[in-house]
Amino acid sequence: GHTAGHVCYFSDPYLFCGDTLFSGGC
């Protein structure tokens, strides 16, 4: 979405989501 190949990393409870989701935005 933000870029074509963007990924996120999740290890409960941490989500490192780069520029996909922001607080109150995306």
PDB file of all heavy atoms in Angstrom:
ATOM      1  N   GLY A   1       0.839  -1.193   0.000  1.00  0.00           N
ATOM      2  CA  GLY A   1       0.000   0.000   0.000  1.00  0.00           C
ATOM      3  C   GLY A   1       0.868   1.233   0.000  1.00  0.00           C
ATOM      4  O   GLY A   1       0.913   1.985  -0.963  1.00  0.00           O
ATOM      5  N   HIS A   2       1.594   1.427   1.091  1.00  0.00           N
ATOM      6  CA  HIS A   2       2.543   2.540   1.173  1.00  0.00           C
ATOM      7  C   HIS A   2       3.639   2.354   0.128  1.00  0.00           C
ATOM      8  O   HIS A   2       3.970   3.260  -0.628  1.00  0.00           O
ATOM      9  CB  HIS A   2       3.117   2.614   2.575  1.00  0.00           C
ATOM     10  CG  HIS A   2       4.068   3.753   2.801  1.00  0.00           C
ATOM     11  ND1 HIS A   2       3.665   5.070   2.786  1.00  0.00           N
ATOM     12  CD2 HIS A   2       5.399   3.768   3.055  1.00  0.00           C
ATOM     13  CE1 HIS A   2       4.718   5.851   3.014  1.00  0.00           C
ATOM     14  NE2 HIS A   2       5.778   5.074   3.185  1.00  0.00           N
ATOM     15  N   THR A   3       4.211   1.151   0.118  1.00  0.00           N
ATOM     16  CA  THR A   3       5.071   0.708  -0.984  1.00  0.00           C
ATOM     17  C   THR A   3       4.556  -0.652  -1.448  1.00  0.00           C
ATOM     18  O   THR A   3       3.742  -1.282  -0.772  1.00  0.00           O
ATOM     19  CB  THR A   3       6.555   0.581  -0.573  1.00  0.00           C
ATOM     20  OG1 THR A   3       6.689  -0.485   0.384  1.00  0.00           O
ATOM     21  CG2 THR A   3       7.083   1.886   0.012  1.00  0.00           C
ATOM     22  N   ALA A   4       5.068  -1.099  -2.586  1.00  0.00           N
ATOM     23  CA  ALA A   4       4.564  -2.349  -3.163  1.00  0.00           C
ATOM     24  C   ALA A   4       4.927  -3.574  -2.329  1.00  0.00           C
ATOM     25  O   ALA A   4       4.183  -4.549  -2.287  1.00  0.00           O
ATOM     26  CB  ALA A   4       5.092  -2.513  -4.584  1.00  0.00           C
ATOM     27  N   GLY A   5       6.088  -3.518  -1.659  1.00  0.00           N
ATOM     28  CA  GLY A   5       6.558  -4.701  -0.949  1.00  0.00           C
ATOM     29  C   GLY A   5       6.623  -4.554   0.558  1.00  0.00           C
ATOM     30  O   GLY A   5       7.275  -5.353   1.239  1.00  0.00           O
ATOM     31  N   HIS A   6       5.952  -3.575   1.117  1.00  0.00           N
ATOM     32  CA  HIS A   6       5.995  -3.297   2.559  1.00  0.00           C
ATOM     33  C   HIS A   6       5.603  -4.525   3.367  1.00  0.00           C
ATOM     34  O   HIS A   6       4.671  -5.240   3.021  1.00  0.00           O
ATOM     35  CB  HIS A   6       5.043  -2.143   2.871  1.00  0.00           C
ATOM     36  CG  HIS A   6       5.267  -1.476   4.198  1.00  0.00           C
ATOM     37  ND1 HIS A   6       5.133  -2.136   5.402  1.00  0.00           N
ATOM     38  CD2 HIS A   6       5.607  -0.203   4.505  1.00  0.00           C
ATOM     39  CE1 HIS A   6       5.386  -1.290   6.387  1.00  0.00           C
ATOM     40  NE2 HIS A   6       5.679  -0.110   5.870  1.00  0.00           N
ATOM     41  N   VAL A   7       6.334  -4.774   4.465  1.00  0.00           N
ATOM     42  CA  VAL A   7       5.975  -5.849   5.394  1.00  0.00           C
ATOM     43  C   VAL A   7       5.939  -5.313   6.816  1.00  0.00           C
ATOM     44  O   VAL A   7       6.536  -4.271   7.127  1.00  0.00           O
ATOM     45  CB  VAL A   7       6.959  -7.045   5.330  1.00  0.00           C
ATOM     46  CG1 VAL A   7       6.981  -7.667   3.946  1.00  0.00           C
ATOM     47  CG2 VAL A   7       8.356  -6.645   5.787  1.00  0.00           C
ATOM     48  N   CYS A   8       5.229  -6.028   7.673  1.00  0.00           N
ATOM     49  CA  CYS A   8       5.228  -5.766   9.109  1.00  0.00           C
ATOM     50  C   CYS A   8       5.721  -7.012   9.827  1.00  0.00           C
ATOM     51  O   CYS A   8       5.699  -8.112   9.272  1.00  0.00           O
ATOM     52  CB  CYS A   8       3.820  -5.417   9.604  1.00  0.00           C
ATOM     53  SG  CYS A   8       3.078  -3.967   8.846  1.00  0.00           S
ATOM     54  N   TYR A   9       6.155  -6.813  11.065  1.00  0.00           N
ATOM     55  CA  TYR A   9       6.662  -7.924  11.875  1.00  0.00           C
ATOM     56  C   TYR A   9       5.877  -7.961  13.187  1.00  0.00           C
ATOM     57  O   TYR A   9       5.797  -6.958  13.898  1.00  0.00           O
ATOM     58  CB  TYR A   9       8.149  -7.730  12.185  1.00  0.00           C
ATOM     59  CG  TYR A   9       9.027  -7.635  10.960  1.00  0.00           C
ATOM     60  CD1 TYR A   9       9.266  -6.416  10.335  1.00  0.00           C
ATOM     61  CD2 TYR A   9       9.631  -8.778  10.425  1.00  0.00           C
ATOM     62  CE1 TYR A   9      10.082  -6.317   9.213  1.00  0.00           C
ATOM     63  CE2 TYR A   9      10.451  -8.691   9.302  1.00  0.00           C
ATOM     64  CZ  TYR A   9      10.667  -7.456   8.698  1.00  0.00           C
ATOM     65  OH  TYR A   9      11.471  -7.364   7.589  1.00  0.00           O
ATOM     66  N   PHE A  10       5.332  -9.137  13.525  1.00  0.00           N
ATOM     67  CA  PHE A  10       4.526  -9.266  14.733  1.00  0.00           C
ATOM     68  C   PHE A  10       5.059 -10.379  15.621  1.00  0.00           C
ATOM     69  O   PHE A  10       5.215 -11.523  15.201  1.00  0.00           O
ATOM     70  CB  PHE A  10       3.069  -9.568  14.379  1.00  0.00           C
ATOM     71  CG  PHE A  10       2.193  -9.792  15.585  1.00  0.00           C
ATOM     72  CD1 PHE A  10       1.944  -8.772  16.485  1.00  0.00           C
ATOM     73  CD2 PHE A  10       1.629 -11.039  15.816  1.00  0.00           C
ATOM     74  CE1 PHE A  10       1.140  -8.969  17.604  1.00  0.00           C
ATOM     75  CE2 PHE A  10       0.829 -11.266  16.929  1.00  0.00           C
ATOM     76  CZ  PHE A  10       0.577 -10.223  17.824  1.00  0.00           C
ATOM     77  N   SER A  11       5.362 -10.001  16.860  1.00  0.00           N
ATOM     78  CA  SER A  11       5.667 -10.958  17.912  1.00  0.00           C
ATOM     79  C   SER A  11       4.913 -10.479  19.141  1.00  0.00           C
ATOM     80  O   SER A  11       5.271  -9.441  19.726  1.00  0.00           O
ATOM     81  CB  SER A  11       7.173 -11.037  18.193  1.00  0.00           C
ATOM     82  OG  SER A  11       7.449 -11.970  19.220  1.00  0.00           O
ATOM     83  N   ASP A  12       3.859 -11.157  19.482  1.00  0.00           N
ATOM     84  CA  ASP A  12       2.935 -10.729  20.524  1.00  0.00           C
ATOM     85  C   ASP A  12       3.673 -10.247  21.780  1.00  0.00           C
ATOM     86  O   ASP A  12       4.485 -10.979  22.328  1.00  0.00           O
ATOM     87  CB  ASP A  12       2.039 -11.921  20.877  1.00  0.00           C
ATOM     88  CG  ASP A  12       0.793 -11.524  21.645  1.00  0.00           C
ATOM     89  OD1 ASP A  12       0.665 -10.341  22.015  1.00  0.00           O
ATOM     90  OD2 ASP A  12      -0.046 -12.404  21.890  1.00  0.00           O
ATOM     91  N   PRO A  13       3.459  -8.962  22.191  1.00  0.00           N
ATOM     92  CA  PRO A  13       2.437  -8.022  21.727  1.00  0.00           C
ATOM     93  C   PRO A  13       2.945  -6.978  20.728  1.00  0.00           C
ATOM     94  O   PRO A  13       2.221  -6.033  20.427  1.00  0.00           O
ATOM     95  CB  PRO A  13       2.045  -7.321  23.024  1.00  0.00           C
ATOM     96  CG  PRO A  13       3.359  -7.202  23.763  1.00  0.00           C
ATOM     97  CD  PRO A  13       4.112  -8.477  23.437  1.00  0.00           C
ATOM     98  N   TYR A  14       4.161  -7.136  20.223  1.00  0.00           N
ATOM     99  CA  TYR A  14       4.785  -6.056  19.447  1.00  0.00           C
ATOM    100  C   TYR A  14       4.480  -6.180  17.956  1.00  0.00           C
ATOM    101  O   TYR A  14       4.712  -7.222  17.346  1.00  0.00           O
ATOM    102  CB  TYR A  14       6.306  -6.076  19.633  1.00  0.00           C
ATOM    103  CG  TYR A  14       6.739  -6.109  21.070  1.00  0.00           C
ATOM    104  CD1 TYR A  14       7.211  -7.295  21.649  1.00  0.00           C
ATOM    105  CD2 TYR A  14       6.685  -4.961  21.869  1.00  0.00           C
ATOM    106  CE1 TYR A  14       7.613  -7.332  22.975  1.00  0.00           C
ATOM    107  CE2 TYR A  14       7.082  -4.995  23.195  1.00  0.00           C
ATOM    108  CZ  TYR A  14       7.541  -6.183  23.748  1.00  0.00           C
ATOM    109  OH  TYR A  14       7.927  -6.229  25.053  1.00  0.00           O
ATOM    110  N   LEU A  15       3.995  -5.090  17.364  1.00  0.00           N
ATOM    111  CA  LEU A  15       3.840  -5.013  15.917  1.00  0.00           C
ATOM    112  C   LEU A  15       4.695  -3.859  15.406  1.00  0.00           C
ATOM    113  O   LEU A  15       4.442  -2.696  15.734  1.00  0.00           O
ATOM    114  CB  LEU A  15       2.383  -4.759  15.511  1.00  0.00           C
ATOM    115  CG  LEU A  15       2.183  -4.600  13.992  1.00  0.00           C
ATOM    116  CD1 LEU A  15       2.344  -5.950  13.283  1.00  0.00           C
ATOM    117  CD2 LEU A  15       0.834  -3.978  13.663  1.00  0.00           C
ATOM    118  N   PHE A  16       5.700  -4.200  14.617  1.00  0.00           N
ATOM    119  CA  PHE A  16       6.525  -3.177  13.977  1.00  0.00           C
ATOM    120  C   PHE A  16       5.976  -2.994  12.565  1.00  0.00           C
ATOM    121  O   PHE A  16       6.174  -3.831  11.686  1.00  0.00           O
ATOM    122  CB  PHE A  16       7.990  -3.614  13.970  1.00  0.00           C
ATOM    123  CG  PHE A  16       8.549  -3.791  15.366  1.00  0.00           C
ATOM    124  CD1 PHE A  16       8.870  -5.049  15.849  1.00  0.00           C
ATOM    125  CD2 PHE A  16       8.711  -2.694  16.202  1.00  0.00           C
ATOM    126  CE1 PHE A  16       9.374  -5.204  17.139  1.00  0.00           C
ATOM    127  CE2 PHE A  16       9.208  -2.839  17.501  1.00  0.00           C
ATOM    128  CZ  PHE A  16       9.537  -4.097  17.961  1.00  0.00           C
ATOM    129  N   CYS A  17       5.252  -1.893  12.386  1.00  0.00           N
ATOM    130  CA  CYS A  17       4.434  -1.757  11.180  1.00  0.00           C
ATOM    131  C   CYS A  17       4.901  -0.634  10.259  1.00  0.00           C
ATOM    132  O   CYS A  17       4.172  -0.272   9.321  1.00  0.00           O
ATOM    133  CB  CYS A  17       2.966  -1.554  11.560  1.00  0.00           C
ATOM    134  SG  CYS A  17       2.655  -0.169  12.676  1.00  0.00           S
ATOM    135  N   GLY A  18       6.101  -0.102  10.473  1.00  0.00           N
ATOM    136  CA  GLY A  18       6.656   0.866   9.534  1.00  0.00           C
ATOM    137  C   GLY A  18       5.706   2.009   9.255  1.00  0.00           C
ATOM    138  O   GLY A  18       5.258   2.704  10.172  1.00  0.00           O
ATOM    139  N   ASP A  19       5.351   2.180   7.977  1.00  0.00           N
ATOM    140  CA  ASP A  19       4.459   3.267   7.570  1.00  0.00           C
ATOM    141  C   ASP A  19       3.104   2.750   7.087  1.00  0.00           C
ATOM    142  O   ASP A  19       2.431   3.406   6.299  1.00  0.00           O
ATOM    143  CB  ASP A  19       5.110   4.089   6.448  1.00  0.00           C
ATOM    144  CG  ASP A  19       6.253   4.959   6.947  1.00  0.00           C
ATOM    145  OD1 ASP A  19       6.478   5.017   8.174  1.00  0.00           O
ATOM    146  OD2 ASP A  19       6.932   5.579   6.112  1.00  0.00           O
ATOM    147  N   THR A  20       2.700   1.582   7.551  1.00  0.00           N
ATOM    148  CA  THR A  20       1.377   1.073   7.162  1.00  0.00           C
ATOM    149  C   THR A  20       0.292   1.678   8.037  1.00  0.00           C
ATOM    150  O   THR A  20      -0.640   2.307   7.537  1.00  0.00           O
ATOM    151  CB  THR A  20       1.336  -0.467   7.235  1.00  0.00           C
ATOM    152  OG1 THR A  20       2.253  -1.002   6.283  1.00  0.00           O
ATOM    153  CG2 THR A  20      -0.056  -0.992   6.914  1.00  0.00           C
ATOM    154  N   LEU A  21       0.406   1.508   9.333  1.00  0.00           N
ATOM    155  CA  LEU A  21      -0.576   2.048  10.279  1.00  0.00           C
ATOM    156  C   LEU A  21       0.111   3.042  11.202  1.00  0.00           C
ATOM    157  O   LEU A  21       1.202   2.771  11.716  1.00  0.00           O
ATOM    158  CB  LEU A  21      -1.185   0.917  11.107  1.00  0.00           C
ATOM    159  CG  LEU A  21      -2.246   1.326  12.127  1.00  0.00           C
ATOM    160  CD1 LEU A  21      -3.522   1.801  11.426  1.00  0.00           C
ATOM    161  CD2 LEU A  21      -2.558   0.160  13.068  1.00  0.00           C
ATOM    162  N   PHE A  22      -0.523   4.188  11.398  1.00  0.00           N
ATOM    163  CA  PHE A  22      -0.088   5.169  12.387  1.00  0.00           C
ATOM    164  C   PHE A  22      -1.178   5.310  13.441  1.00  0.00           C
ATOM    165  O   PHE A  22      -2.315   4.862  13.230  1.00  0.00           O
ATOM    166  CB  PHE A  22       0.160   6.540  11.737  1.00  0.00           C
ATOM    167  CG  PHE A  22       1.225   6.526  10.679  1.00  0.00           C
ATOM    168  CD1 PHE A  22       0.946   6.958   9.392  1.00  0.00           C
ATOM    169  CD2 PHE A  22       2.506   6.077  10.957  1.00  0.00           C
ATOM    170  CE1 PHE A  22       1.918   6.957   8.411  1.00  0.00           C
ATOM    171  CE2 PHE A  22       3.493   6.057   9.982  1.00  0.00           C
ATOM    172  CZ  PHE A  22       3.193   6.499   8.704  1.00  0.00           C
ATOM    173  N   SER A  23      -0.865   5.939  14.542  1.00  0.00           N
ATOM    174  CA  SER A  23      -1.921   6.220  15.501  1.00  0.00           C
ATOM    175  C   SER A  23      -2.842   7.275  14.912  1.00  0.00           C
ATOM    176  O   SER A  23      -2.437   8.388  14.614  1.00  0.00           O
ATOM    177  CB  SER A  23      -1.339   6.714  16.826  1.00  0.00           C
ATOM    178  OG  SER A  23      -2.384   6.879  17.774  1.00  0.00           O
ATOM    179  N   GLY A  24      -4.084   6.887  14.692  1.00  0.00           N
ATOM    180  CA  GLY A  24      -5.059   7.791  14.097  1.00  0.00           C
ATOM    181  C   GLY A  24      -4.981   7.896  12.592  1.00  0.00           C
ATOM    182  O   GLY A  24      -5.720   8.677  11.995  1.00  0.00           O
ATOM    183  N   GLY A  25      -4.097   7.140  11.952  1.00  0.00           N
ATOM    184  CA  GLY A  25      -3.940   7.298  10.501  1.00  0.00           C
ATOM    185  C   GLY A  25      -3.324   6.078   9.852  1.00  0.00           C
ATOM    186  O   GLY A  25      -3.156   5.024  10.472  1.00  0.00           O
ATOM    187  N   CYS A  26      -2.955   6.235   8.584  1.00  0.00           N
ATOM    188  CA  CYS A  26      -2.251   5.181   7.851  1.00  0.00           C
ATOM    189  C   CYS A  26      -1.329   5.842   6.839  1.00  0.00           C
ATOM    190  O   CYS A  26      -1.393   7.055   6.633  1.00  0.00           O
ATOM    191  CB  CYS A  26      -3.235   4.240   7.147  1.00  0.00           C
ATOM    192  SG  CYS A  26      -4.042   4.943   5.691  1.00  0.00           S
TER     193      CYS A  26
END
